[in-house]
Amino acid sequence: DRSRYIKALAVAAKNQDVEALATRLITAHSATVDWLTTVLAEDALGGPAALRRTPLQAATGLAVKLANLPFTWSTRGAERFAETLR
């Protein structure tokens, strides 16, 4: 882990500011790993997913998909045409 390596270098260089920063990074990283582990375990057990889309995100995703639909159709048509020529 890079934070632990930086902390070791800071201790060796007797740089307390960098050592304190590295300690905070280690703590934050550990909290993130714990949170991800919990979310994945809940999802595996069929529990509430913390990473669920909001209604606004779902609507935005649908709008983007609809806006890209003509491009997707034309791309698929071009691929079929190219495959026919082969």
PDB file of N, CA and C in Angstrom:
ATOM      1  N   ASP A   1       0.841  -1.180   0.000  1.00  0.00           N
ATOM      2  CA  ASP A   1       0.000   0.000   0.000  1.00  0.00           C
ATOM      3  C   ASP A   1       0.889   1.248   0.000  1.00  0.00           C
ATOM      4  N   ARG A   2       0.600   2.148  -0.915  1.00  0.00           N
ATOM      5  CA  ARG A   2       1.437   3.338  -1.070  1.00  0.00           C
ATOM      6  C   ARG A   2       1.435   4.228   0.156  1.00  0.00           C
ATOM      7  N   SER A   3       0.306   4.323   0.826  1.00  0.00           N
ATOM      8  CA  SER A   3       0.236   5.177   2.016  1.00  0.00           C
ATOM      9  C   SER A   3       1.166   4.670   3.111  1.00  0.00           C
ATOM     10  N   ARG A   4       1.217   3.370   3.273  1.00  0.00           N
ATOM     11  CA  ARG A   4       2.111   2.799   4.290  1.00  0.00           C
ATOM     12  C   ARG A   4       3.579   3.012   3.909  1.00  0.00           C
ATOM     13  N   TYR A   5       3.876   2.929   2.630  1.00  0.00           N
ATOM     14  CA  TYR A   5       5.240   3.165   2.159  1.00  0.00           C
ATOM     15  C   TYR A   5       5.639   4.627   2.402  1.00  0.00           C
ATOM     16  N   ILE A   6       4.727   5.543   2.086  1.00  0.00           N
ATOM     17  CA  ILE A   6       4.998   6.968   2.327  1.00  0.00           C
ATOM     18  C   ILE A   6       5.205   7.224   3.809  1.00  0.00           C
ATOM     19  N   LYS A   7       4.393   6.573   4.636  1.00  0.00           N
ATOM     20  CA  LYS A   7       4.545   6.761   6.077  1.00  0.00           C
ATOM     21  C   LYS A   7       5.916   6.268   6.537  1.00  0.00           C
ATOM     22  N   ALA A   8       6.344   5.127   6.029  1.00  0.00           N
ATOM     23  CA  ALA A   8       7.661   4.600   6.404  1.00  0.00           C
ATOM     24  C   ALA A   8       8.769   5.560   5.985  1.00  0.00           C
ATOM     25  N   LEU A   9       8.647   6.128   4.785  1.00  0.00           N
ATOM     26  CA  LEU A   9       9.640   7.102   4.338  1.00  0.00           C
ATOM     27  C   LEU A   9       9.615   8.359   5.202  1.00  0.00           C
ATOM     28  N   ALA A  10       8.410   8.796   5.580  1.00  0.00           N
ATOM     29  CA  ALA A  10       8.288   9.994   6.413  1.00  0.00           C
ATOM     30  C   ALA A  10       8.880   9.770   7.794  1.00  0.00           C
ATOM     31  N   VAL A  11       8.669   8.587   8.354  1.00  0.00           N
ATOM     32  CA  VAL A  11       9.252   8.266   9.663  1.00  0.00           C
ATOM     33  C   VAL A  11      10.772   8.260   9.558  1.00  0.00           C
ATOM     34  N   ALA A  12      11.290   7.654   8.496  1.00  0.00           N
ATOM     35  CA  ALA A  12      12.745   7.604   8.312  1.00  0.00           C
ATOM     36  C   ALA A  12      13.331   8.999   8.125  1.00  0.00           C
ATOM     37  N   ALA A  13      12.575   9.884   7.452  1.00  0.00           N
ATOM     38  CA  ALA A  13      13.050  11.247   7.210  1.00  0.00           C
ATOM     39  C   ALA A  13      12.688  12.195   8.348  1.00  0.00           C
ATOM     40  N   LYS A  14      11.977  11.665   9.356  1.00  0.00           N
ATOM     41  CA  LYS A  14      11.525  12.462  10.503  1.00  0.00           C
ATOM     42  C   LYS A  14      10.671  13.664  10.067  1.00  0.00           C
ATOM     43  N   ASN A  15       9.800  13.427   9.093  1.00  0.00           N
ATOM     44  CA  ASN A  15       8.894  14.459   8.592  1.00  0.00           C
ATOM     45  C   ASN A  15       7.505  14.177   9.159  1.00  0.00           C
ATOM     46  N   GLN A  16       7.161  14.877  10.230  1.00  0.00           N
ATOM     47  CA  GLN A  16       5.920  14.592  10.955  1.00  0.00           C
ATOM     48  C   GLN A  16       4.674  14.992  10.168  1.00  0.00           C
ATOM     49  N   ASP A  17       4.763  16.047   9.346  1.00  0.00           N
ATOM     50  CA  ASP A  17       3.595  16.457   8.563  1.00  0.00           C
ATOM     51  C   ASP A  17       3.202  15.375   7.552  1.00  0.00           C
ATOM     52  N   VAL A  18       4.183  14.853   6.848  1.00  0.00           N
ATOM     53  CA  VAL A  18       3.910  13.805   5.858  1.00  0.00           C
ATOM     54  C   VAL A  18       3.469  12.522   6.555  1.00  0.00           C
ATOM     55  N   GLU A  19       4.049  12.246   7.705  1.00  0.00           N
ATOM     56  CA  GLU A  19       3.648  11.062   8.469  1.00  0.00           C
ATOM     57  C   GLU A  19       2.187  11.164   8.889  1.00  0.00           C
ATOM     58  N   ALA A  20       1.776  12.346   9.347  1.00  0.00           N
ATOM     59  CA  ALA A  20       0.379  12.543   9.753  1.00  0.00           C
ATOM     60  C   ALA A  20      -0.555  12.399   8.553  1.00  0.00           C
ATOM     61  N   LEU A  21      -0.150  12.949   7.413  1.00  0.00           N
ATOM     62  CA  LEU A  21      -0.957  12.821   6.201  1.00  0.00           C
ATOM     63  C   LEU A  21      -1.093  11.357   5.794  1.00  0.00           C
ATOM     64  N   ALA A  22       0.001  10.630   5.825  1.00  0.00           N
ATOM     65  CA  ALA A  22      -0.034   9.210   5.464  1.00  0.00           C
ATOM     66  C   ALA A  22      -0.935   8.427   6.411  1.00  0.00           C
ATOM     67  N   THR A  23      -0.895   8.756   7.690  1.00  0.00           N
ATOM     68  CA  THR A  23      -1.763   8.088   8.662  1.00  0.00           C
ATOM     69  C   THR A  23      -3.228   8.346   8.336  1.00  0.00           C
ATOM     70  N   ARG A  24      -3.561   9.593   7.980  1.00  0.00           N
ATOM     71  CA  ARG A  24      -4.945   9.919   7.615  1.00  0.00           C
ATOM     72  C   ARG A  24      -5.363   9.162   6.352  1.00  0.00           C
ATOM     73  N   LEU A  25      -4.452   9.053   5.389  1.00  0.00           N
ATOM     74  CA  LEU A  25      -4.761   8.310   4.163  1.00  0.00           C
ATOM     75  C   LEU A  25      -4.998   6.828   4.445  1.00  0.00           C
ATOM     76  N   ILE A  26      -4.187   6.263   5.317  1.00  0.00           N
ATOM     77  CA  ILE A  26      -4.350   4.850   5.690  1.00  0.00           C
ATOM     78  C   ILE A  26      -5.711   4.633   6.334  1.00  0.00           C
ATOM     79  N   THR A  27      -6.096   5.535   7.240  1.00  0.00           N
ATOM     80  CA  THR A  27      -7.388   5.431   7.921  1.00  0.00           C
ATOM     81  C   THR A  27      -8.539   5.552   6.926  1.00  0.00           C
ATOM     82  N   ALA A  28      -8.453   6.536   6.032  1.00  0.00           N
ATOM     83  CA  ALA A  28      -9.518   6.736   5.046  1.00  0.00           C
ATOM     84  C   ALA A  28      -9.633   5.535   4.113  1.00  0.00           C
ATOM     85  N   HIS A  29      -8.510   4.994   3.690  1.00  0.00           N
ATOM     86  CA  HIS A  29      -8.522   3.836   2.796  1.00  0.00           C
ATOM     87  C   HIS A  29      -9.148   2.627   3.494  1.00  0.00           C
ATOM     88  N   SER A  30      -8.813   2.432   4.754  1.00  0.00           N
ATOM     89  CA  SER A  30      -9.383   1.310   5.509  1.00  0.00           C
ATOM     90  C   SER A  30     -10.893   1.450   5.620  1.00  0.00           C
ATOM     91  N   ALA A  31     -11.367   2.685   5.863  1.00  0.00           N
ATOM     92  CA  ALA A  31     -12.807   2.919   5.961  1.00  0.00           C
ATOM     93  C   ALA A  31     -13.495   2.631   4.631  1.00  0.00           C
ATOM     94  N   THR A  32     -12.867   3.006   3.537  1.00  0.00           N
ATOM     95  CA  THR A  32     -13.436   2.749   2.216  1.00  0.00           C
ATOM     96  C   THR A  32     -13.520   1.254   1.936  1.00  0.00           C
ATOM     97  N   VAL A  33     -12.477   0.527   2.260  1.00  0.00           N
ATOM     98  CA  VAL A  33     -12.470  -0.924   2.048  1.00  0.00           C
ATOM     99  C   VAL A  33     -13.553  -1.585   2.901  1.00  0.00           C
ATOM    100  N   ASP A  34     -13.703  -1.145   4.148  1.00  0.00           N
ATOM    101  CA  ASP A  34     -14.751  -1.694   5.016  1.00  0.00           C
ATOM    102  C   ASP A  34     -16.133  -1.434   4.428  1.00  0.00           C
ATOM    103  N   TRP A  35     -16.362  -0.204   3.930  1.00  0.00           N
ATOM    104  CA  TRP A  35     -17.658   0.148   3.357  1.00  0.00           C
ATOM    105  C   TRP A  35     -17.945  -0.713   2.132  1.00  0.00           C
ATOM    106  N   LEU A  36     -16.967  -0.843   1.238  1.00  0.00           N
ATOM    107  CA  LEU A  36     -17.168  -1.659   0.039  1.00  0.00           C
ATOM    108  C   LEU A  36     -17.454  -3.116   0.384  1.00  0.00           C
ATOM    109  N   THR A  37     -16.749  -3.643   1.363  1.00  0.00           N
ATOM    110  CA  THR A  37     -16.973  -5.022   1.791  1.00  0.00           C
ATOM    111  C   THR A  37     -18.397  -5.195   2.304  1.00  0.00           C
ATOM    112  N   THR A  38     -18.871  -4.231   3.083  1.00  0.00           N
ATOM    113  CA  THR A  38     -20.234  -4.286   3.620  1.00  0.00           C
ATOM    114  C   THR A  38     -21.264  -4.227   2.502  1.00  0.00           C
ATOM    115  N   VAL A  39     -21.089  -3.299   1.563  1.00  0.00           N
ATOM    116  CA  VAL A  39     -22.038  -3.152   0.458  1.00  0.00           C
ATOM    117  C   VAL A  39     -22.092  -4.424  -0.380  1.00  0.00           C
ATOM    118  N   LEU A  40     -20.935  -4.996  -0.686  1.00  0.00           N
ATOM    119  CA  LEU A  40     -20.912  -6.222  -1.487  1.00  0.00           C
ATOM    120  C   LEU A  40     -21.540  -7.396  -0.746  1.00  0.00           C
ATOM    121  N   ALA A  41     -21.315  -7.476   0.560  1.00  0.00           N
ATOM    122  CA  ALA A  41     -21.919  -8.553   1.351  1.00  0.00           C
ATOM    123  C   ALA A  41     -23.435  -8.399   1.392  1.00  0.00           C
ATOM    124  N   GLU A  42     -23.921  -7.159   1.579  1.00  0.00           N
ATOM    125  CA  GLU A  42     -25.370  -6.931   1.590  1.00  0.00           C
ATOM    126  C   GLU A  42     -25.985  -7.298   0.245  1.00  0.00           C
ATOM    127  N   ASP A  43     -25.316  -6.919  -0.822  1.00  0.00           N
ATOM    128  CA  ASP A  43     -25.826  -7.226  -2.151  1.00  0.00           C
ATOM    129  C   ASP A  43     -25.850  -8.732  -2.387  1.00  0.00           C
ATOM    130  N   ALA A  44     -24.820  -9.438  -1.948  1.00  0.00           N
ATOM    131  CA  ALA A  44     -24.755 -10.890  -2.121  1.00  0.00           C
ATOM    132  C   ALA A  44     -25.858 -11.593  -1.343  1.00  0.00           C
ATOM    133  N   LEU A  45     -26.238 -11.025  -0.208  1.00  0.00           N
ATOM    134  CA  LEU A  45     -27.286 -11.629   0.615  1.00  0.00           C
ATOM    135  C   LEU A  45     -28.681 -11.180   0.203  1.00  0.00           C
ATOM    136  N   GLY A  46     -28.756 -10.333  -0.834  1.00  0.00           N
ATOM    137  CA  GLY A  46     -30.057  -9.871  -1.300  1.00  0.00           C
ATOM    138  C   GLY A  46     -30.617  -8.735  -0.479  1.00  0.00           C
ATOM    139  N   GLY A  47     -29.787  -8.120   0.326  1.00  0.00           N
ATOM    140  CA  GLY A  47     -30.235  -7.009   1.157  1.00  0.00           C
ATOM    141  C   GLY A  47     -30.299  -5.715   0.379  1.00  0.00           C
ATOM    142  N   PRO A  48     -30.516  -4.622   1.102  1.00  0.00           N
ATOM    143  CA  PRO A  48     -30.628  -3.320   0.432  1.00  0.00           C
ATOM    144  C   PRO A  48     -29.295  -2.914  -0.199  1.00  0.00           C
ATOM    145  N   ALA A  49     -29.346  -2.522  -1.435  1.00  0.00           N
ATOM    146  CA  ALA A  49     -28.126  -2.106  -2.133  1.00  0.00           C
ATOM    147  C   ALA A  49     -27.897  -0.621  -1.906  1.00  0.00           C
ATOM    148  N   ALA A  50     -26.734  -0.277  -1.388  1.00  0.00           N
ATOM    149  CA  ALA A  50     -26.403   1.125  -1.136  1.00  0.00           C
ATOM    150  C   ALA A  50     -26.064   1.846  -2.428  1.00  0.00           C
ATOM    151  N   LEU A  51     -25.833   1.080  -3.485  1.00  0.00           N
ATOM    152  CA  LEU A  51     -25.429   1.687  -4.747  1.00  0.00           C
ATOM    153  C   LEU A  51     -26.574   1.683  -5.756  1.00  0.00           C
ATOM    154  N   ARG A  52     -27.755   2.008  -5.301  1.00  0.00           N
ATOM    155  CA  ARG A  52     -28.922   2.031  -6.173  1.00  0.00           C
ATOM    156  C   ARG A  52     -29.035   3.401  -6.843  1.00  0.00           C
ATOM    157  N   ARG A  53     -29.472   3.413  -8.116  1.00  0.00           N
ATOM    158  CA  ARG A  53     -29.622   4.677  -8.836  1.00  0.00           C
ATOM    159  C   ARG A  53     -30.761   5.500  -8.257  1.00  0.00           C
ATOM    160  N   THR A  54     -30.583   6.822  -8.291  1.00  0.00           N
ATOM    161  CA  THR A  54     -31.671   7.713  -7.909  1.00  0.00           C
ATOM    162  C   THR A  54     -32.618   7.823  -9.098  1.00  0.00           C
ATOM    163  N   PRO A  55     -33.854   8.278  -8.878  1.00  0.00           N
ATOM    164  CA  PRO A  55     -34.769   8.445 -10.012  1.00  0.00           C
ATOM    165  C   PRO A  55     -34.213   9.394 -11.082  1.00  0.00           C
ATOM    166  N   LEU A  56     -33.515  10.448 -10.658  1.00  0.00           N
ATOM    167  CA  LEU A  56     -32.930  11.379 -11.623  1.00  0.00           C
ATOM    168  C   LEU A  56     -31.853  10.695 -12.461  1.00  0.00           C
ATOM    169  N   GLN A  57     -31.033   9.867 -11.824  1.00  0.00           N
ATOM    170  CA  GLN A  57     -30.003   9.137 -12.568  1.00  0.00           C
ATOM    171  C   GLN A  57     -30.634   8.156 -13.553  1.00  0.00           C
ATOM    172  N   ALA A  58     -31.712   7.503 -13.143  1.00  0.00           N
ATOM    173  CA  ALA A  58     -32.392   6.563 -14.035  1.00  0.00           C
ATOM    174  C   ALA A  58     -32.987   7.297 -15.232  1.00  0.00           C
ATOM    175  N   ALA A  59     -33.608   8.453 -14.987  1.00  0.00           N
ATOM    176  CA  ALA A  59     -34.198   9.237 -16.075  1.00  0.00           C
ATOM    177  C   ALA A  59     -33.124   9.754 -17.022  1.00  0.00           C
ATOM    178  N   THR A  60     -32.011  10.197 -16.473  1.00  0.00           N
ATOM    179  CA  THR A  60     -30.908  10.683 -17.306  1.00  0.00           C
ATOM    180  C   THR A  60     -30.347   9.557 -18.166  1.00  0.00           C
ATOM    181  N   GLY A  61     -30.176   8.384 -17.573  1.00  0.00           N
ATOM    182  CA  GLY A  61     -29.682   7.237 -18.329  1.00  0.00           C
ATOM    183  C   GLY A  61     -30.620   6.854 -19.463  1.00  0.00           C
ATOM    184  N   LEU A  62     -31.920   6.896 -19.195  1.00  0.00           N
ATOM    185  CA  LEU A  62     -32.903   6.584 -20.231  1.00  0.00           C
ATOM    186  C   LEU A  62     -32.853   7.619 -21.349  1.00  0.00           C
ATOM    187  N   ALA A  63     -32.731   8.905 -20.986  1.00  0.00           N
ATOM    188  CA  ALA A  63     -32.655   9.969 -21.995  1.00  0.00           C
ATOM    189  C   ALA A  63     -31.426   9.798 -22.880  1.00  0.00           C
ATOM    190  N   VAL A  64     -30.298   9.462 -22.278  1.00  0.00           N
ATOM    191  CA  VAL A  64     -29.069   9.248 -23.057  1.00  0.00           C
ATOM    192  C   VAL A  64     -29.236   8.054 -23.983  1.00  0.00           C
ATOM    193  N   LYS A  65     -29.840   6.987 -23.469  1.00  0.00           N
ATOM    194  CA  LYS A  65     -30.046   5.790 -24.293  1.00  0.00           C
ATOM    195  C   LYS A  65     -30.955   6.103 -25.482  1.00  0.00           C
ATOM    196  N   LEU A  66     -32.020   6.864 -25.240  1.00  0.00           N
ATOM    197  CA  LEU A  66     -32.930   7.224 -26.326  1.00  0.00           C
ATOM    198  C   LEU A  66     -32.260   8.151 -27.335  1.00  0.00           C
ATOM    199  N   ALA A  67     -31.428   9.076 -26.852  1.00  0.00           N
ATOM    200  CA  ALA A  67     -30.725   9.991 -27.755  1.00  0.00           C
ATOM    201  C   ALA A  67     -29.732   9.241 -28.632  1.00  0.00           C
ATOM    202  N   ASN A  68     -29.142   8.185 -28.111  1.00  0.00           N
ATOM    203  CA  ASN A  68     -28.151   7.409 -28.864  1.00  0.00           C
ATOM    204  C   ASN A  68     -28.776   6.323 -29.735  1.00  0.00           C
ATOM    205  N   LEU A  69     -30.065   6.103 -29.604  1.00  0.00           N
ATOM    206  CA  LEU A  69     -30.725   5.023 -30.333  1.00  0.00           C
ATOM    207  C   LEU A  69     -30.559   5.116 -31.853  1.00  0.00           C
ATOM    208  N   PRO A  70     -30.774   6.279 -32.479  1.00  0.00           N
ATOM    209  CA  PRO A  70     -30.570   6.334 -33.943  1.00  0.00           C
ATOM    210  C   PRO A  70     -29.138   5.985 -34.356  1.00  0.00           C
ATOM    211  N   PHE A  71     -28.171   6.434 -33.594  1.00  0.00           N
ATOM    212  CA  PHE A  71     -26.769   6.117 -33.891  1.00  0.00           C
ATOM    213  C   PHE A  71     -26.524   4.617 -33.763  1.00  0.00           C
ATOM    214  N   THR A  72     -27.096   4.019 -32.723  1.00  0.00           N
ATOM    215  CA  THR A  72     -26.936   2.577 -32.511  1.00  0.00           C
ATOM    216  C   THR A  72     -27.535   1.795 -33.673  1.00  0.00           C
ATOM    217  N   TRP A  73     -28.736   2.203 -34.100  1.00  0.00           N
ATOM    218  CA  TRP A  73     -29.376   1.515 -35.223  1.00  0.00           C
ATOM    219  C   TRP A  73     -28.548   1.641 -36.491  1.00  0.00           C
ATOM    220  N   SER A  74     -28.036   2.848 -36.768  1.00  0.00           N
ATOM    221  CA  SER A  74     -27.265   3.034 -38.001  1.00  0.00           C
ATOM    222  C   SER A  74     -25.955   2.253 -37.942  1.00  0.00           C
ATOM    223  N   THR A  75     -25.346   2.183 -36.773  1.00  0.00           N
ATOM    224  CA  THR A  75     -24.107   1.418 -36.623  1.00  0.00           C
ATOM    225  C   THR A  75     -24.361  -0.065 -36.857  1.00  0.00           C
ATOM    226  N   ARG A  76     -25.433  -0.577 -36.273  1.00  0.00           N
ATOM    227  CA  ARG A  76     -25.760  -1.997 -36.476  1.00  0.00           C
ATOM    228  C   ARG A  76     -26.070  -2.285 -37.943  1.00  0.00           C
ATOM    229  N   GLY A  77     -26.770  -1.346 -38.582  1.00  0.00           N
ATOM    230  CA  GLY A  77     -27.072  -1.517 -40.005  1.00  0.00           C
ATOM    231  C   GLY A  77     -25.806  -1.541 -40.843  1.00  0.00           C
ATOM    232  N   ALA A  78     -24.866  -0.662 -40.523  1.00  0.00           N
ATOM    233  CA  ALA A  78     -23.596  -0.635 -41.256  1.00  0.00           C
ATOM    234  C   ALA A  78     -22.815  -1.924 -41.026  1.00  0.00           C
ATOM    235  N   GLU A  79     -22.847  -2.440 -39.801  1.00  0.00           N
ATOM    236  CA  GLU A  79     -22.154  -3.699 -39.509  1.00  0.00           C
ATOM    237  C   GLU A  79     -22.773  -4.856 -40.291  1.00  0.00           C
ATOM    238  N   ARG A  80     -24.094  -4.892 -40.364  1.00  0.00           N
ATOM    239  CA  ARG A  80     -24.768  -5.954 -41.126  1.00  0.00           C
ATOM    240  C   ARG A  80     -24.427  -5.858 -42.614  1.00  0.00           C
ATOM    241  N   PHE A  81     -24.408  -4.623 -43.124  1.00  0.00           N
ATOM    242  CA  PHE A  81     -24.073  -4.416 -44.530  1.00  0.00           C
ATOM    243  C   PHE A  81     -22.646  -4.880 -44.818  1.00  0.00           C
ATOM    244  N   ALA A  82     -21.716  -4.514 -43.928  1.00  0.00           N
ATOM    245  CA  ALA A  82     -20.319  -4.925 -44.101  1.00  0.00           C
ATOM    246  C   ALA A  82     -20.189  -6.441 -44.022  1.00  0.00           C
ATOM    247  N   GLU A  83     -20.939  -7.062 -43.134  1.00  0.00           N
ATOM    248  CA  GLU A  83     -20.907  -8.521 -43.001  1.00  0.00           C
ATOM    249  C   GLU A  83     -21.462  -9.182 -44.259  1.00  0.00           C
ATOM    250  N   THR A  84     -22.482  -8.581 -44.852  1.00  0.00           N
ATOM    251  CA  THR A  84     -23.062  -9.115 -46.084  1.00  0.00           C
ATOM    252  C   THR A  84     -22.052  -9.060 -47.227  1.00  0.00           C
ATOM    253  N   LEU A  85     -21.266  -7.995 -47.278  1.00  0.00           N
ATOM    254  CA  LEU A  85     -20.262  -7.850 -48.336  1.00  0.00           C
ATOM    255  C   LEU A  85     -19.135  -8.859 -48.202  1.00  0.00           C
ATOM    256  N   ARG A  86     -18.860  -9.322 -47.016  1.00  0.00           N
ATOM    257  CA  ARG A  86     -17.766 -10.287 -46.818  1.00  0.00           C
ATOM    258  C   ARG A  86     -18.154 -11.588 -47.348  1.00  0.00           C
TER     259      ARG A  86
END
